[in-house]
Amino acid sequence: MTEQEQIREFINTELKELIKFIDMMDMDPLIQVKDHILKAEKNKNRVHITGIGKPSYVAGYVASLLSSTGTPAYELNGTEAVHGSSGQVLPDDIVIAISNSGETSELKSTVQTLKNNEAFIVALTGHEDSWLAKQADIALIAGVEQEGDTMNKPPRASIVTEIVMLQALSILLQNAKGLSPRQYVRWHPGGSLGKSIKEEIK
């Protein structure tokens, strides 16, 4: 197989997995998460996002995305949480925990600690029968059959579906709050994006 064919095969596999995920996506739990976040905010509670390994980068991105679109969110280090960082999470705060397998040992310790501290746990996992899904108050399922390569182990397509799921959540929250360009630019004044909005609202 040529290198060009390898690239096409990967992209086609990932696209097929994404389309399959979207077609089978259960949107009701996502709407429930949106409602719980809005309720938590009214009670002065906060949103935290955590994961181990590659999902930790998803957590950082989504925490930043939510914060810039009207929902203050905090990245919680998945390993540091059991060494004191779980102190940033108060009772009834919402924690979105990301793990494709739902069986990651380090995340299990973190989630159990957070549950003991009375956090509201939202699982984002690829397996509805996983430990994480069963421990969560609400489970969001974003699974794939093929990651996009012959080993089918390194997370590629699963990372994309996790991001899409949480991007969809950000849209629900943004629209529920009626975010306007004028409000958005207050949190994102820099860069070409901030400049373009400032020019639009003059």
N, C-alpha and C. Protein backbone atom coordinates (compact mmCIF):
# COMPACT_ATOMS: atom_id res chain seq x y z
N MET A 1 0.85 -1.20 0.00
CA MET A 1 0.00 0.00 0.00
C MET A 1 0.89 1.25 0.00
N THR A 2 0.61 2.17 -0.90
CA THR A 2 1.41 3.40 -0.95
C THR A 2 1.07 4.29 0.24
N GLU A 3 1.92 5.28 0.47
CA GLU A 3 1.67 6.21 1.57
C GLU A 3 0.39 7.00 1.33
N GLN A 4 0.15 7.36 0.08
CA GLN A 4 -1.08 8.07 -0.25
C GLN A 4 -2.31 7.21 0.06
N GLU A 5 -2.22 5.92 -0.24
CA GLU A 5 -3.32 5.00 0.04
C GLU A 5 -3.51 4.82 1.55
N GLN A 6 -2.42 4.81 2.29
CA GLN A 6 -2.51 4.70 3.76
C GLN A 6 -3.27 5.89 4.33
N ILE A 7 -2.96 7.07 3.82
CA ILE A 7 -3.63 8.27 4.31
C ILE A 7 -5.12 8.22 3.99
N ARG A 8 -5.44 7.86 2.76
CA ARG A 8 -6.85 7.80 2.35
C ARG A 8 -7.61 6.75 3.17
N GLU A 9 -6.97 5.62 3.39
CA GLU A 9 -7.63 4.56 4.15
C GLU A 9 -7.93 5.02 5.58
N PHE A 10 -6.96 5.70 6.19
CA PHE A 10 -7.17 6.21 7.55
C PHE A 10 -8.31 7.21 7.58
N ILE A 11 -8.28 8.19 6.69
CA ILE A 11 -9.31 9.24 6.69
C ILE A 11 -10.69 8.64 6.42
N ASN A 12 -10.78 7.70 5.50
CA ASN A 12 -12.07 7.07 5.20
C ASN A 12 -12.59 6.27 6.40
N THR A 13 -11.68 5.59 7.09
CA THR A 13 -12.08 4.82 8.28
C THR A 13 -12.59 5.76 9.37
N GLU A 14 -11.86 6.82 9.61
CA GLU A 14 -12.27 7.76 10.65
C GLU A 14 -13.59 8.43 10.30
N LEU A 15 -13.77 8.77 9.03
CA LEU A 15 -15.02 9.39 8.60
C LEU A 15 -16.20 8.44 8.78
N LYS A 16 -16.00 7.17 8.43
CA LYS A 16 -17.06 6.18 8.60
C LYS A 16 -17.44 6.02 10.07
N GLU A 17 -16.44 5.99 10.94
CA GLU A 17 -16.70 5.85 12.37
C GLU A 17 -17.44 7.07 12.91
N LEU A 18 -17.07 8.25 12.45
CA LEU A 18 -17.73 9.47 12.90
C LEU A 18 -19.19 9.50 12.45
N ILE A 19 -19.45 9.13 11.20
CA ILE A 19 -20.82 9.10 10.69
C ILE A 19 -21.65 8.08 11.46
N LYS A 20 -21.06 6.91 11.71
CA LYS A 20 -21.75 5.86 12.47
C LYS A 20 -22.10 6.35 13.87
N PHE A 21 -21.14 7.01 14.50
CA PHE A 21 -21.35 7.56 15.85
C PHE A 21 -22.49 8.58 15.85
N ILE A 22 -22.48 9.48 14.90
CA ILE A 22 -23.52 10.51 14.83
C ILE A 22 -24.89 9.90 14.59
N ASP A 23 -24.96 8.89 13.72
CA ASP A 23 -26.24 8.23 13.42
C ASP A 23 -26.82 7.51 14.63
N MET A 24 -25.95 6.96 15.48
CA MET A 24 -26.40 6.17 16.62
C MET A 24 -26.39 6.95 17.94
N MET A 25 -25.99 8.19 17.90
CA MET A 25 -25.80 8.99 19.11
C MET A 25 -27.11 9.19 19.87
N ASP A 26 -27.06 8.89 21.17
CA ASP A 26 -28.21 9.13 22.05
C ASP A 26 -28.08 10.55 22.58
N MET A 27 -28.95 11.42 22.14
CA MET A 27 -28.83 12.84 22.48
C MET A 27 -29.48 13.20 23.81
N ASP A 28 -30.38 12.35 24.31
CA ASP A 28 -31.09 12.67 25.55
C ASP A 28 -30.15 12.84 26.75
N PRO A 29 -29.16 11.93 26.95
CA PRO A 29 -28.23 12.15 28.06
C PRO A 29 -27.45 13.45 27.94
N LEU A 30 -27.13 13.85 26.72
CA LEU A 30 -26.40 15.10 26.51
C LEU A 30 -27.25 16.29 26.93
N ILE A 31 -28.53 16.25 26.61
CA ILE A 31 -29.45 17.31 27.02
C ILE A 31 -29.59 17.33 28.54
N GLN A 32 -29.59 16.14 29.16
CA GLN A 32 -29.65 16.06 30.62
C GLN A 32 -28.43 16.70 31.25
N VAL A 33 -27.26 16.45 30.67
CA VAL A 33 -26.03 17.06 31.19
C VAL A 33 -26.12 18.58 31.11
N LYS A 34 -26.61 19.08 29.98
CA LYS A 34 -26.79 20.53 29.83
C LYS A 34 -27.67 21.09 30.94
N ASP A 35 -28.78 20.42 31.20
CA ASP A 35 -29.71 20.88 32.24
C ASP A 35 -29.07 20.86 33.62
N HIS A 36 -28.30 19.82 33.90
CA HIS A 36 -27.63 19.72 35.21
C HIS A 36 -26.58 20.81 35.36
N ILE A 37 -25.88 21.12 34.29
CA ILE A 37 -24.87 22.19 34.37
C ILE A 37 -25.53 23.53 34.64
N LEU A 38 -26.61 23.82 33.95
CA LEU A 38 -27.31 25.08 34.17
C LEU A 38 -27.83 25.18 35.59
N LYS A 39 -28.36 24.07 36.10
CA LYS A 39 -28.85 24.04 37.48
C LYS A 39 -27.70 24.23 38.46
N ALA A 40 -26.58 23.57 38.20
CA ALA A 40 -25.43 23.68 39.09
C ALA A 40 -24.91 25.11 39.14
N GLU A 41 -24.88 25.76 38.00
CA GLU A 41 -24.40 27.15 37.96
C GLU A 41 -25.30 28.07 38.79
N LYS A 42 -26.60 27.84 38.74
CA LYS A 42 -27.53 28.66 39.54
C LYS A 42 -27.25 28.50 41.03
N ASN A 43 -26.74 27.30 41.40
CA ASN A 43 -26.42 27.03 42.80
C ASN A 43 -24.97 27.34 43.14
N LYS A 44 -24.29 28.06 42.24
CA LYS A 44 -22.90 28.47 42.43
C LYS A 44 -21.92 27.30 42.40
N ASN A 45 -22.32 26.21 41.74
CA ASN A 45 -21.40 25.10 41.55
C ASN A 45 -20.69 25.23 40.21
N ARG A 46 -19.66 24.39 40.02
CA ARG A 46 -18.79 24.56 38.86
C ARG A 46 -18.67 23.26 38.06
N VAL A 47 -18.04 23.39 36.89
CA VAL A 47 -17.81 22.27 35.99
C VAL A 47 -16.32 21.98 35.91
N HIS A 48 -15.96 20.71 36.03
CA HIS A 48 -14.57 20.28 35.92
C HIS A 48 -14.51 19.16 34.89
N ILE A 49 -13.41 19.07 34.17
CA ILE A 49 -13.25 18.03 33.15
C ILE A 49 -11.92 17.33 33.36
N THR A 50 -11.93 16.00 33.30
CA THR A 50 -10.72 15.26 33.60
C THR A 50 -10.57 14.04 32.69
N GLY A 51 -9.36 13.56 32.58
CA GLY A 51 -9.06 12.35 31.81
C GLY A 51 -7.60 11.99 32.02
N ILE A 52 -7.25 10.78 31.64
CA ILE A 52 -5.88 10.29 31.77
C ILE A 52 -5.31 10.08 30.37
N GLY A 53 -4.05 10.46 30.16
CA GLY A 53 -3.43 10.26 28.86
C GLY A 53 -4.01 11.18 27.80
N LYS A 54 -4.31 10.64 26.62
CA LYS A 54 -4.82 11.46 25.52
C LYS A 54 -6.10 12.21 25.90
N PRO A 55 -7.03 11.58 26.62
CA PRO A 55 -8.25 12.31 27.01
C PRO A 55 -7.98 13.54 27.88
N SER A 56 -6.81 13.58 28.53
CA SER A 56 -6.51 14.77 29.33
C SER A 56 -6.37 16.01 28.44
N TYR A 57 -5.91 15.80 27.20
CA TYR A 57 -5.80 16.92 26.27
C TYR A 57 -7.18 17.34 25.76
N VAL A 58 -8.05 16.36 25.60
CA VAL A 58 -9.45 16.69 25.27
C VAL A 58 -10.05 17.51 26.41
N ALA A 59 -9.76 17.12 27.64
CA ALA A 59 -10.29 17.84 28.81
C ALA A 59 -9.83 19.29 28.81
N GLY A 60 -8.55 19.51 28.51
CA GLY A 60 -8.04 20.88 28.49
C GLY A 60 -8.70 21.72 27.42
N TYR A 61 -8.84 21.14 26.23
CA TYR A 61 -9.48 21.86 25.13
C TYR A 61 -10.93 22.20 25.45
N VAL A 62 -11.67 21.22 25.95
CA VAL A 62 -13.10 21.45 26.20
C VAL A 62 -13.31 22.41 27.36
N ALA A 63 -12.47 22.35 28.39
CA ALA A 63 -12.58 23.31 29.47
C ALA A 63 -12.39 24.73 28.94
N SER A 64 -11.43 24.90 28.02
CA SER A 64 -11.19 26.21 27.42
C SER A 64 -12.35 26.63 26.53
N LEU A 65 -12.88 25.68 25.74
CA LEU A 65 -14.01 25.98 24.86
C LEU A 65 -15.24 26.40 25.65
N LEU A 66 -15.57 25.64 26.69
CA LEU A 66 -16.74 25.99 27.50
C LEU A 66 -16.56 27.35 28.16
N SER A 67 -15.36 27.57 28.70
CA SER A 67 -15.11 28.85 29.38
C SER A 67 -15.26 30.03 28.43
N SER A 68 -14.86 29.86 27.18
CA SER A 68 -14.93 30.96 26.23
C SER A 68 -16.33 31.17 25.67
N THR A 69 -17.24 30.21 25.93
CA THR A 69 -18.59 30.33 25.39
C THR A 69 -19.63 30.43 26.51
N GLY A 70 -19.20 30.89 27.68
CA GLY A 70 -20.16 31.26 28.72
C GLY A 70 -20.34 30.28 29.85
N THR A 71 -19.60 29.15 29.84
CA THR A 71 -19.71 28.18 30.92
C THR A 71 -18.34 27.98 31.55
N PRO A 72 -18.04 28.70 32.63
CA PRO A 72 -16.73 28.54 33.26
C PRO A 72 -16.45 27.08 33.59
N ALA A 73 -15.32 26.57 33.12
CA ALA A 73 -14.98 25.16 33.33
C ALA A 73 -13.50 25.05 33.66
N TYR A 74 -13.16 24.02 34.41
CA TYR A 74 -11.81 23.87 34.92
C TYR A 74 -11.28 22.49 34.58
N GLU A 75 -10.05 22.43 34.10
CA GLU A 75 -9.42 21.14 33.86
C GLU A 75 -8.94 20.58 35.20
N LEU A 76 -9.28 19.34 35.47
CA LEU A 76 -8.84 18.66 36.69
C LEU A 76 -7.82 17.60 36.29
N ASN A 77 -6.60 17.72 36.78
CA ASN A 77 -5.56 16.74 36.47
C ASN A 77 -5.97 15.37 37.02
N GLY A 78 -6.07 14.40 36.13
CA GLY A 78 -6.61 13.10 36.51
C GLY A 78 -5.77 12.33 37.50
N THR A 79 -4.46 12.53 37.50
CA THR A 79 -3.61 11.82 38.46
C THR A 79 -3.37 12.64 39.72
N GLU A 80 -3.29 13.96 39.59
CA GLU A 80 -3.06 14.82 40.75
C GLU A 80 -4.29 14.88 41.65
N ALA A 81 -5.45 14.50 41.12
CA ALA A 81 -6.70 14.60 41.89
C ALA A 81 -6.64 13.81 43.18
N VAL A 82 -5.96 12.65 43.16
CA VAL A 82 -5.87 11.83 44.37
C VAL A 82 -4.71 12.25 45.27
N HIS A 83 -4.01 13.30 44.85
CA HIS A 83 -2.93 13.85 45.65
C HIS A 83 -3.23 15.28 46.09
N GLY A 84 -4.53 15.59 46.19
CA GLY A 84 -4.93 16.87 46.73
C GLY A 84 -5.70 17.77 45.80
N SER A 85 -5.53 17.59 44.47
CA SER A 85 -6.20 18.49 43.53
C SER A 85 -7.71 18.32 43.51
N SER A 86 -8.21 17.21 44.04
CA SER A 86 -9.66 17.05 44.11
C SER A 86 -10.28 18.07 45.06
N GLY A 87 -9.44 18.78 45.79
CA GLY A 87 -9.93 19.85 46.65
C GLY A 87 -10.55 21.00 45.88
N GLN A 88 -10.29 21.07 44.55
CA GLN A 88 -10.91 22.12 43.75
C GLN A 88 -12.37 21.80 43.46
N VAL A 89 -12.79 20.55 43.74
CA VAL A 89 -14.15 20.11 43.44
C VAL A 89 -14.98 20.11 44.71
N LEU A 90 -16.05 20.90 44.70
CA LEU A 90 -16.94 21.00 45.86
C LEU A 90 -18.12 20.05 45.70
N PRO A 91 -18.81 19.71 46.79
CA PRO A 91 -20.01 18.89 46.68
C PRO A 91 -20.99 19.49 45.67
N ASP A 92 -21.54 18.63 44.83
CA ASP A 92 -22.50 19.00 43.78
C ASP A 92 -21.87 19.71 42.58
N ASP A 93 -20.55 19.90 42.58
CA ASP A 93 -19.88 20.31 41.34
C ASP A 93 -20.03 19.18 40.32
N ILE A 94 -19.97 19.52 39.05
CA ILE A 94 -20.09 18.53 37.99
C ILE A 94 -18.70 18.20 37.45
N VAL A 95 -18.39 16.91 37.37
CA VAL A 95 -17.12 16.47 36.81
C VAL A 95 -17.40 15.58 35.59
N ILE A 96 -16.88 15.98 34.45
CA ILE A 96 -16.97 15.17 33.24
C ILE A 96 -15.67 14.38 33.15
N ALA A 97 -15.77 13.05 33.27
CA ALA A 97 -14.61 12.17 33.25
C ALA A 97 -14.56 11.43 31.92
N ILE A 98 -13.43 11.54 31.21
CA ILE A 98 -13.30 10.99 29.86
C ILE A 98 -12.38 9.77 29.87
N SER A 99 -12.89 8.65 29.36
CA SER A 99 -12.07 7.44 29.18
C SER A 99 -12.74 6.56 28.15
N ASN A 100 -12.07 6.27 27.05
CA ASN A 100 -12.66 5.44 26.01
C ASN A 100 -13.00 4.05 26.55
N SER A 101 -12.06 3.44 27.25
CA SER A 101 -12.32 2.10 27.80
C SER A 101 -13.26 2.14 28.98
N GLY A 102 -13.20 3.24 29.74
CA GLY A 102 -13.97 3.32 30.97
C GLY A 102 -13.42 2.44 32.07
N GLU A 103 -12.20 1.95 31.87
CA GLU A 103 -11.58 1.02 32.83
C GLU A 103 -10.20 1.48 33.29
N THR A 104 -9.79 2.68 32.94
CA THR A 104 -8.46 3.17 33.27
C THR A 104 -8.28 3.23 34.79
N SER A 105 -7.28 2.53 35.30
CA SER A 105 -7.13 2.38 36.75
C SER A 105 -6.93 3.71 37.46
N GLU A 106 -6.10 4.59 36.88
CA GLU A 106 -5.86 5.88 37.52
C GLU A 106 -7.14 6.70 37.61
N LEU A 107 -7.96 6.63 36.56
CA LEU A 107 -9.20 7.41 36.57
C LEU A 107 -10.20 6.82 37.55
N LYS A 108 -10.17 5.51 37.73
CA LYS A 108 -11.05 4.89 38.72
C LYS A 108 -10.81 5.49 40.10
N SER A 109 -9.54 5.63 40.47
CA SER A 109 -9.20 6.19 41.78
C SER A 109 -9.69 7.63 41.90
N THR A 110 -9.52 8.38 40.82
CA THR A 110 -9.96 9.78 40.82
C THR A 110 -11.48 9.88 40.94
N VAL A 111 -12.19 9.10 40.14
CA VAL A 111 -13.65 9.16 40.17
C VAL A 111 -14.19 8.73 41.53
N GLN A 112 -13.60 7.69 42.11
CA GLN A 112 -14.06 7.24 43.42
C GLN A 112 -13.84 8.32 44.47
N THR A 113 -12.70 9.01 44.39
CA THR A 113 -12.42 10.11 45.31
C THR A 113 -13.45 11.22 45.16
N LEU A 114 -13.77 11.55 43.92
CA LEU A 114 -14.73 12.62 43.66
C LEU A 114 -16.14 12.24 44.10
N LYS A 115 -16.49 10.97 43.91
CA LYS A 115 -17.80 10.49 44.37
C LYS A 115 -17.87 10.57 45.90
N ASN A 116 -16.79 10.22 46.56
CA ASN A 116 -16.76 10.31 48.02
C ASN A 116 -16.93 11.75 48.49
N ASN A 117 -16.49 12.69 47.64
CA ASN A 117 -16.62 14.10 47.97
C ASN A 117 -17.91 14.71 47.42
N GLU A 118 -18.83 13.84 46.95
CA GLU A 118 -20.20 14.21 46.55
C GLU A 118 -20.26 15.04 45.27
N ALA A 119 -19.33 14.78 44.36
CA ALA A 119 -19.42 15.42 43.04
C ALA A 119 -20.44 14.67 42.19
N PHE A 120 -20.98 15.37 41.20
CA PHE A 120 -21.90 14.78 40.23
C PHE A 120 -21.05 14.34 39.05
N ILE A 121 -21.02 13.04 38.77
CA ILE A 121 -20.12 12.48 37.77
C ILE A 121 -20.82 12.26 36.44
N VAL A 122 -20.24 12.82 35.38
CA VAL A 122 -20.68 12.56 34.01
C VAL A 122 -19.57 11.76 33.34
N ALA A 123 -19.89 10.57 32.87
CA ALA A 123 -18.91 9.74 32.15
C ALA A 123 -18.99 10.03 30.66
N LEU A 124 -17.85 10.11 30.03
CA LEU A 124 -17.78 10.12 28.56
C LEU A 124 -16.88 8.95 28.19
N THR A 125 -17.49 7.89 27.66
CA THR A 125 -16.77 6.65 27.43
C THR A 125 -17.28 5.96 26.17
N GLY A 126 -16.49 5.03 25.67
CA GLY A 126 -16.89 4.30 24.49
C GLY A 126 -17.69 3.04 24.79
N HIS A 127 -17.86 2.73 26.08
CA HIS A 127 -18.48 1.46 26.45
C HIS A 127 -19.54 1.67 27.54
N GLU A 128 -20.79 1.40 27.20
CA GLU A 128 -21.87 1.64 28.14
C GLU A 128 -21.87 0.68 29.32
N ASP A 129 -21.19 -0.46 29.18
CA ASP A 129 -21.12 -1.42 30.28
C ASP A 129 -19.81 -1.32 31.06
N SER A 130 -19.06 -0.25 30.86
CA SER A 130 -17.78 -0.08 31.53
C SER A 130 -17.98 0.34 32.99
N TRP A 131 -16.90 0.22 33.76
CA TRP A 131 -16.91 0.65 35.16
C TRP A 131 -17.30 2.12 35.26
N LEU A 132 -16.70 2.95 34.42
CA LEU A 132 -16.95 4.38 34.49
C LEU A 132 -18.42 4.71 34.21
N ALA A 133 -18.98 4.09 33.17
CA ALA A 133 -20.38 4.34 32.84
C ALA A 133 -21.30 3.95 33.98
N LYS A 134 -20.98 2.84 34.64
CA LYS A 134 -21.83 2.36 35.74
C LYS A 134 -21.70 3.21 36.99
N GLN A 135 -20.55 3.83 37.17
CA GLN A 135 -20.33 4.66 38.36
C GLN A 135 -20.90 6.07 38.20
N ALA A 136 -21.15 6.47 36.97
CA ALA A 136 -21.54 7.85 36.69
C ALA A 136 -23.02 8.11 37.00
N ASP A 137 -23.32 9.37 37.25
CA ASP A 137 -24.72 9.79 37.38
C ASP A 137 -25.38 9.87 36.01
N ILE A 138 -24.61 10.27 35.02
CA ILE A 138 -25.06 10.26 33.61
C ILE A 138 -23.89 9.77 32.77
N ALA A 139 -24.18 8.89 31.81
CA ALA A 139 -23.13 8.38 30.92
C ALA A 139 -23.38 8.83 29.49
N LEU A 140 -22.36 9.42 28.89
CA LEU A 140 -22.37 9.78 27.47
C LEU A 140 -21.52 8.74 26.74
N ILE A 141 -22.09 8.12 25.72
CA ILE A 141 -21.39 7.04 25.02
C ILE A 141 -20.92 7.53 23.66
N ALA A 142 -19.60 7.43 23.44
CA ALA A 142 -19.00 7.88 22.18
C ALA A 142 -17.99 6.84 21.72
N GLY A 143 -18.49 5.65 21.41
CA GLY A 143 -17.60 4.56 21.06
C GLY A 143 -17.36 4.41 19.57
N VAL A 144 -16.26 3.77 19.23
CA VAL A 144 -15.94 3.44 17.84
C VAL A 144 -15.48 1.99 17.78
N GLU A 145 -15.58 1.39 16.60
CA GLU A 145 -15.08 0.03 16.41
C GLU A 145 -13.65 0.04 15.86
N GLN A 146 -13.34 1.05 15.06
CA GLN A 146 -12.02 1.14 14.45
C GLN A 146 -11.40 2.51 14.72
N GLU A 147 -10.16 2.48 15.22
CA GLU A 147 -9.48 3.74 15.51
C GLU A 147 -8.87 4.36 14.25
N GLY A 148 -8.64 3.52 13.22
CA GLY A 148 -8.14 4.06 11.96
C GLY A 148 -6.82 3.49 11.49
N ASP A 149 -6.28 2.49 12.21
CA ASP A 149 -5.02 1.89 11.78
C ASP A 149 -5.09 0.39 12.00
N THR A 150 -4.08 -0.33 11.53
CA THR A 150 -4.11 -1.80 11.59
C THR A 150 -4.04 -2.33 13.01
N MET A 151 -3.36 -1.63 13.91
CA MET A 151 -3.31 -2.07 15.30
C MET A 151 -4.65 -1.88 16.01
N ASN A 152 -5.35 -0.83 15.62
CA ASN A 152 -6.63 -0.49 16.24
C ASN A 152 -6.50 -0.29 17.75
N LYS A 153 -5.42 0.33 18.16
CA LYS A 153 -5.19 0.59 19.58
C LYS A 153 -4.98 2.08 19.89
N PRO A 154 -4.01 2.76 19.21
CA PRO A 154 -3.80 4.17 19.53
C PRO A 154 -5.08 4.98 19.29
N PRO A 155 -5.46 5.83 20.25
CA PRO A 155 -6.72 6.57 20.12
C PRO A 155 -6.67 7.63 19.04
N ARG A 156 -7.48 7.46 18.04
CA ARG A 156 -7.61 8.43 16.96
C ARG A 156 -9.09 8.75 16.75
N ALA A 157 -9.83 7.82 16.18
CA ALA A 157 -11.25 8.06 15.93
C ALA A 157 -12.01 8.28 17.23
N SER A 158 -11.63 7.56 18.29
CA SER A 158 -12.34 7.72 19.57
C SER A 158 -12.15 9.12 20.14
N ILE A 159 -10.97 9.69 19.93
CA ILE A 159 -10.72 11.06 20.40
C ILE A 159 -11.63 12.03 19.65
N VAL A 160 -11.80 11.80 18.34
CA VAL A 160 -12.66 12.67 17.54
C VAL A 160 -14.10 12.61 18.03
N THR A 161 -14.61 11.41 18.31
CA THR A 161 -16.00 11.32 18.76
C THR A 161 -16.18 11.94 20.15
N GLU A 162 -15.18 11.82 21.01
CA GLU A 162 -15.26 12.46 22.33
C GLU A 162 -15.33 13.97 22.18
N ILE A 163 -14.50 14.50 21.30
CA ILE A 163 -14.50 15.96 21.08
C ILE A 163 -15.84 16.41 20.51
N VAL A 164 -16.36 15.68 19.52
CA VAL A 164 -17.64 16.06 18.91
C VAL A 164 -18.75 16.05 19.96
N MET A 165 -18.78 15.04 20.82
CA MET A 165 -19.80 14.96 21.86
C MET A 165 -19.76 16.20 22.75
N LEU A 166 -18.58 16.60 23.18
CA LEU A 166 -18.47 17.73 24.09
C LEU A 166 -18.61 19.07 23.36
N GLN A 167 -18.26 19.11 22.09
CA GLN A 167 -18.55 20.31 21.31
C GLN A 167 -20.07 20.50 21.20
N ALA A 168 -20.79 19.40 21.01
CA ALA A 168 -22.25 19.49 20.95
C ALA A 168 -22.81 20.02 22.28
N LEU A 169 -22.23 19.57 23.40
CA LEU A 169 -22.64 20.09 24.70
C LEU A 169 -22.40 21.59 24.78
N SER A 170 -21.27 22.03 24.25
CA SER A 170 -20.95 23.47 24.28
C SER A 170 -21.96 24.28 23.48
N ILE A 171 -22.45 23.71 22.38
CA ILE A 171 -23.47 24.38 21.58
C ILE A 171 -24.77 24.52 22.36
N LEU A 172 -25.18 23.43 23.03
CA LEU A 172 -26.41 23.47 23.83
C LEU A 172 -26.33 24.53 24.91
N LEU A 173 -25.21 24.59 25.60
CA LEU A 173 -25.04 25.57 26.68
C LEU A 173 -24.97 26.99 26.14
N GLN A 174 -24.23 27.16 25.05
CA GLN A 174 -24.10 28.49 24.44
C GLN A 174 -25.45 29.02 24.01
N ASN A 175 -26.25 28.17 23.37
CA ASN A 175 -27.56 28.60 22.90
C ASN A 175 -28.53 28.83 24.05
N ALA A 176 -28.44 28.01 25.10
CA ALA A 176 -29.31 28.18 26.27
C ALA A 176 -29.06 29.52 26.94
N LYS A 177 -27.82 29.99 26.85
CA LYS A 177 -27.46 31.26 27.49
C LYS A 177 -27.59 32.45 26.54
N GLY A 178 -27.92 32.18 25.27
CA GLY A 178 -28.08 33.25 24.31
C GLY A 178 -26.81 34.07 24.12
N LEU A 179 -25.68 33.37 24.02
CA LEU A 179 -24.40 34.07 23.89
C LEU A 179 -24.36 34.92 22.62
N SER A 180 -23.97 36.17 22.77
CA SER A 180 -23.87 37.10 21.64
C SER A 180 -22.40 37.38 21.32
N PRO A 181 -22.12 37.84 20.11
CA PRO A 181 -20.73 38.20 19.77
C PRO A 181 -20.14 39.22 20.75
N ARG A 182 -20.96 40.14 21.21
CA ARG A 182 -20.46 41.17 22.13
C ARG A 182 -20.02 40.54 23.45
N GLN A 183 -20.78 39.55 23.93
CA GLN A 183 -20.37 38.85 25.15
C GLN A 183 -19.15 37.97 24.90
N TYR A 184 -19.15 37.28 23.77
CA TYR A 184 -18.07 36.34 23.46
C TYR A 184 -16.72 37.05 23.39
N VAL A 185 -16.68 38.22 22.80
CA VAL A 185 -15.42 38.92 22.62
C VAL A 185 -14.85 39.42 23.95
N ARG A 186 -15.69 39.51 24.96
CA ARG A 186 -15.18 39.88 26.30
C ARG A 186 -14.25 38.81 26.84
N TRP A 187 -14.53 37.54 26.49
CA TRP A 187 -13.69 36.43 26.94
C TRP A 187 -12.63 36.06 25.91
N HIS A 188 -12.82 36.53 24.67
CA HIS A 188 -11.88 36.17 23.59
C HIS A 188 -11.53 37.42 22.79
N PRO A 189 -10.88 38.40 23.44
CA PRO A 189 -10.58 39.65 22.74
C PRO A 189 -9.35 39.57 21.84
N GLY A 190 -8.51 38.55 22.05
CA GLY A 190 -7.26 38.49 21.34
C GLY A 190 -7.32 37.75 20.02
N GLY A 191 -6.24 37.87 19.24
CA GLY A 191 -6.09 37.13 18.01
C GLY A 191 -6.98 37.65 16.88
N SER A 192 -6.89 36.97 15.75
CA SER A 192 -7.69 37.35 14.59
C SER A 192 -9.18 37.19 14.85
N LEU A 193 -9.54 36.18 15.67
CA LEU A 193 -10.95 35.96 15.98
C LEU A 193 -11.53 37.13 16.75
N GLY A 194 -10.82 37.55 17.81
CA GLY A 194 -11.28 38.70 18.59
C GLY A 194 -11.34 39.96 17.74
N LYS A 195 -10.35 40.15 16.88
CA LYS A 195 -10.32 41.33 16.03
C LYS A 195 -11.51 41.36 15.07
N SER A 196 -11.85 40.17 14.49
CA SER A 196 -12.95 40.12 13.53
C SER A 196 -14.28 40.44 14.20
N ILE A 197 -14.47 39.97 15.44
CA ILE A 197 -15.72 40.25 16.15
C ILE A 197 -15.81 41.72 16.49
N LYS A 198 -14.71 42.31 16.95
CA LYS A 198 -14.71 43.73 17.29
C LYS A 198 -15.09 44.57 16.08
N GLU A 199 -14.61 44.19 14.91
CA GLU A 199 -14.94 44.93 13.69
C GLU A 199 -16.41 44.76 13.33
N GLU A 200 -16.98 43.59 13.61
CA GLU A 200 -18.38 43.32 13.29
C GLU A 200 -19.35 44.10 14.16
N ILE A 201 -18.96 44.33 15.43
CA ILE A 201 -19.92 44.94 16.38
C ILE A 201 -19.69 46.44 16.55
N LYS A 202 -18.83 47.00 15.75
CA LYS A 202 -18.60 48.47 15.84
C LYS A 202 -19.88 49.22 15.50
